[in-house]
C-alpha cells in the first residue's frame, strides 16, 4: 500500500526560513512541495521519510534565496494490483460506486465489478445485492472491503484563463484506482464480519 521512493530535487530556502535549523528548513520545504501531490507513475505523496543528502547552499543573485540540491525519500501511497483494502462508500451512480479512505478519495468500483445480482436503486441512490432471498445494501458511508484491479493516470495539462471560464471543461483526476467487490469476503464488512467490521477502516 505504501512505498518509499527516492527523489533528487532543488530546494529553495527563502530568507524568512533562515532562522530555522537548516535540516528542518529543507524538510519543511520538501513537505510543502510534495505532500498530497500525485507524481505520475509513482503515486500519491504522503510525507518526507528521510533526507539522504544535501549540497552546500548557493545564494541566488538578487533574491537572497538559498538553493540546495537534495536527495530524499518520500512515503508514497500506491497499492499493488490485487491488494485488498478497506474504505468507506462515498457515493453511487448507475456506473458504479466511489470509495474513499482518510487521505485518498478516488477509488472506483464499476457496476460490473459488484456481486452478480446487484442492481442500482435509483430512489435510494445505492446498490442492492439480491442473493438467496435476501436484500443486502451497499449503504453510503458503509465500511467496505475491496480489491485493487487497476490504476489510471492522467497528465495534468495546465488550464488557461479561457478554459477556466468554460464551464464545460472537466479536469480529470491525476490518479484513480479501479477496484472490485464481486468476490466472497469483499463488500460491506458488516456482511462478513458482523459488528466487528465497523472499525476496520484504514486510519494511516
Protein backbone atom coordinates (compact mmCIF):
# COMPACT_ATOMS: atom_id res chain seq x y z
CA UNK A 1 0.00 0.00 0.00
CA UNK A 2 2.81 2.40 0.91
CA UNK A 3 6.22 2.52 -0.75
CA UNK A 4 9.40 4.57 -0.38
CA UNK A 5 10.65 6.40 -3.46
CA UNK A 6 13.92 8.32 -3.84
CA UNK A 7 13.86 11.76 -5.44
CA UNK A 8 16.55 14.31 -6.30
CA UNK A 9 15.45 17.93 -6.46
CA UNK A 10 16.48 21.55 -6.00
CA UNK A 11 15.16 23.06 -2.78
CA UNK A 12 14.94 26.83 -2.37
CA UNK A 13 15.12 28.23 1.15
CA UNK A 14 13.62 31.70 1.42
CA UNK A 15 15.16 34.34 3.76
CA UNK A 16 12.19 34.06 6.14
CA UNK A 17 13.30 30.49 6.94
CA UNK A 18 16.92 31.32 7.73
CA UNK A 19 16.12 31.28 11.45
CA UNK A 20 15.23 27.59 11.31
CA UNK A 21 17.66 24.71 11.67
CA UNK A 22 18.92 24.09 8.07
CA UNK A 23 17.73 20.48 8.00
CA UNK A 24 14.30 21.50 9.32
CA UNK A 25 14.02 24.25 6.71
CA UNK A 26 14.79 21.73 3.95
CA UNK A 27 12.32 19.17 5.33
CA UNK A 28 9.54 21.78 5.62
CA UNK A 29 10.19 22.87 2.04
CA UNK A 30 10.00 19.29 0.74
CA UNK A 31 6.77 18.54 2.61
CA UNK A 32 5.18 21.76 1.37
CA UNK A 33 6.10 20.95 -2.23
CA UNK A 34 5.24 17.23 -2.30
CA UNK A 35 2.72 16.33 0.43
CA UNK A 36 -0.67 15.37 -1.02
CA UNK A 37 0.63 15.69 -4.60
CA UNK A 38 0.46 12.98 -7.25
CA UNK A 39 3.63 12.17 -9.19
CA UNK A 40 2.85 10.43 -12.48
CA UNK A 41 3.56 6.68 -12.44
CA UNK A 42 4.78 6.91 -8.82
CA UNK A 43 1.72 7.63 -6.67
CA UNK A 44 0.27 10.00 -4.08
CA UNK A 45 2.99 11.56 -1.93
CA UNK A 46 2.19 11.45 1.78
CA UNK A 47 5.21 12.95 3.52
CA UNK A 48 9.01 13.04 3.73
CA UNK A 49 10.54 9.83 5.13
CA UNK A 50 14.18 10.89 5.40
CA UNK A 51 16.76 13.26 3.95
CA UNK A 52 19.62 11.36 2.30
CA UNK A 53 21.95 14.19 1.27
CA UNK A 54 22.13 17.95 0.79
CA UNK A 55 24.67 20.12 -1.02
CA UNK A 56 26.15 23.40 0.19
CA UNK A 57 23.64 26.21 -0.25
CA UNK A 58 24.18 28.71 -3.07
CA UNK A 59 22.63 32.17 -2.72
CA UNK A 60 20.71 33.30 -5.78
CA UNK A 61 21.65 36.70 -7.21
CA UNK A 62 19.21 39.44 -6.30
CA UNK A 63 16.70 37.21 -4.49
CA UNK A 64 18.55 36.09 -1.35
CA UNK A 65 17.08 32.61 -1.83
CA UNK A 66 19.43 29.74 -0.96
CA UNK A 67 19.45 26.88 -3.50
CA UNK A 68 20.25 23.41 -2.18
CA UNK A 69 20.46 20.17 -4.20
CA UNK A 70 18.97 17.37 -2.14
CA UNK A 71 18.20 13.66 -2.29
CA UNK A 72 15.43 12.30 -0.10
CA UNK A 73 12.87 9.54 0.24
CA UNK A 74 9.11 10.06 0.31
CA UNK A 75 6.34 7.88 1.70
CA UNK A 76 4.05 7.26 -1.28
CA UNK A 77 0.59 5.72 -1.44
CA UNK A 78 0.42 3.24 -4.32
CA UNK A 79 -1.36 -0.05 -3.67
CA UNK A 80 -0.18 -3.07 -5.64
CA UNK A 81 -2.50 -4.92 -8.01
CA UNK A 82 -4.84 -7.38 -6.23
CA UNK A 83 -4.15 -5.78 -2.83
CA UNK A 84 -7.20 -5.90 -0.52
CA UNK A 85 -8.03 -2.65 1.27
CA UNK A 86 -10.84 -1.09 3.28
CA UNK A 87 -12.54 2.27 2.89
CA UNK A 88 -15.98 3.88 3.01
CA UNK A 89 -18.57 4.29 0.28
CA UNK A 90 -18.81 7.99 -0.59
CA UNK A 91 -21.39 7.84 -3.42
CA UNK A 92 -23.00 5.61 -6.03
CA UNK A 93 -24.38 6.08 -9.55
CA UNK A 94 -25.58 3.78 -12.30
CA UNK A 95 -21.95 3.39 -13.43
CA UNK A 96 -20.61 2.17 -10.07
CA UNK A 97 -19.53 3.02 -6.52
CA UNK A 98 -16.96 5.55 -5.35
CA UNK A 99 -14.91 4.76 -2.23
CA UNK A 100 -12.70 6.94 -0.07
CA UNK A 101 -10.03 6.44 2.58
CA UNK A 102 -8.99 9.12 5.11
CA UNK A 103 -6.43 10.52 2.62
CA UNK A 104 -7.50 9.30 -0.85
CA UNK A 105 -10.96 9.62 -2.36
CA UNK A 106 -10.63 8.48 -5.96
CA UNK A 107 -11.32 4.74 -5.81
CA UNK A 108 -13.98 3.46 -8.21
CA UNK A 109 -15.78 0.12 -8.37
CA UNK A 110 -17.58 -0.29 -11.72
CA UNK A 111 -21.07 -1.75 -11.60
CA UNK A 112 -19.74 -4.78 -13.49
CA UNK A 113 -17.36 -5.47 -10.58
CA UNK A 114 -20.13 -5.87 -8.00
CA UNK A 115 -21.57 -9.27 -6.99
CA UNK A 116 -23.78 -10.91 -9.59
CA UNK A 117 -27.37 -9.93 -8.88
CA UNK A 118 -26.54 -6.37 -7.77
CA UNK A 119 -28.77 -3.57 -9.00
CA UNK A 120 -28.86 0.20 -8.59
CA UNK A 121 -31.82 1.51 -6.61
CA UNK A 122 -32.41 4.95 -8.14
CA UNK A 123 -34.77 6.20 -5.43
CA UNK A 124 -32.24 5.39 -2.68
CA UNK A 125 -29.08 6.22 -4.65
CA UNK A 126 -27.39 2.93 -3.67
CA UNK A 127 -26.78 -0.63 -4.84
CA UNK A 128 -28.65 -3.67 -3.57
CA UNK A 129 -27.40 -7.25 -3.85
CA UNK A 130 -30.22 -9.75 -4.16
CA UNK A 131 -28.96 -13.16 -3.00
CA UNK A 132 -30.74 -16.26 -1.70
CA UNK A 133 -33.92 -14.32 -0.98
CA UNK A 134 -32.09 -11.55 0.91
CA UNK A 135 -31.56 -7.89 0.01
CA UNK A 136 -28.12 -6.66 1.11
CA UNK A 137 -27.37 -2.94 0.79
CA UNK A 138 -24.23 -1.02 -0.16
CA UNK A 139 -25.10 1.91 2.11
CA UNK A 140 -23.35 5.26 1.78
CA UNK A 141 -20.63 5.71 4.45
CA UNK A 142 -20.55 1.92 4.98
CA UNK A 143 -17.09 0.42 5.59
CA UNK A 144 -16.26 -1.90 2.69
CA UNK A 145 -13.51 -4.28 1.71
CA UNK A 146 -12.33 -4.18 -1.91
CA UNK A 147 -9.51 -5.46 -4.11
CA UNK A 148 -7.41 -3.27 -6.40
CA UNK A 149 -7.74 -4.22 -10.07
CA UNK A 150 -6.06 -1.40 -11.97
CA UNK A 151 -4.81 2.18 -11.81
CA UNK A 152 -5.47 5.08 -14.18
CA UNK A 153 -3.12 8.04 -14.71
CA UNK A 154 -3.94 11.39 -16.31
CA UNK A 155 -1.32 14.01 -17.16
CA UNK A 156 -2.36 17.31 -15.64
CA UNK A 157 -2.31 19.79 -18.52
CA UNK A 158 -2.34 23.41 -17.28
CA UNK A 159 -5.72 25.10 -17.71
CA UNK A 160 -5.58 28.56 -19.29
CA UNK A 161 -7.77 31.54 -18.31
CA UNK A 162 -10.16 30.92 -21.19
CA UNK A 163 -10.56 27.27 -20.25
CA UNK A 164 -11.32 28.19 -16.64
CA UNK A 165 -14.21 30.33 -17.86
CA UNK A 166 -15.55 27.43 -19.92
CA UNK A 167 -17.95 25.55 -17.65
CA UNK A 168 -17.69 22.52 -19.92
CA UNK A 169 -14.06 21.84 -19.05
CA UNK A 170 -13.75 18.92 -16.63
CA UNK A 171 -10.37 18.30 -15.04
CA UNK A 172 -9.54 14.61 -14.71
CA UNK A 173 -8.10 13.21 -11.51
CA UNK A 174 -4.35 12.63 -11.87
CA UNK A 175 -4.56 9.20 -10.22
CA UNK A 176 -7.50 6.83 -9.90
CA UNK A 177 -7.78 3.29 -8.58
CA UNK A 178 -10.17 0.77 -10.11
CA UNK A 179 -11.36 -1.93 -7.73
CA UNK A 180 -13.72 -4.90 -7.43
CA UNK A 181 -16.14 -6.13 -4.78
CA UNK A 182 -17.53 -9.13 -6.66
CA UNK A 183 -15.80 -11.95 -4.73
CA UNK A 184 -16.70 -13.60 -1.43
CA UNK A 185 -15.37 -11.60 1.54
CA UNK A 186 -15.48 -8.31 -0.36
CA UNK A 187 -18.12 -5.60 0.00
CA UNK A 188 -19.56 -4.18 3.24
CA UNK A 189 -17.55 -5.59 6.16
CA UNK A 190 -20.78 -5.92 8.14
CA UNK A 191 -21.91 -8.70 5.80
CA UNK A 192 -18.91 -10.88 6.59
CA UNK A 193 -17.58 -9.67 9.94
CA UNK A 194 -20.71 -8.58 11.78
CA UNK A 195 -20.31 -5.64 14.16
CA UNK A 196 -16.55 -6.22 14.34
CA UNK A 197 -16.15 -4.81 10.84
CA UNK A 198 -17.17 -1.30 11.82
CA UNK A 199 -13.73 -0.23 12.99
CA UNK A 200 -11.71 -1.71 10.16
CA UNK A 201 -11.31 1.40 8.01
CA UNK A 202 -7.70 2.26 7.26
CA UNK A 203 -6.52 5.09 9.52
CA UNK A 204 -2.99 5.60 8.16
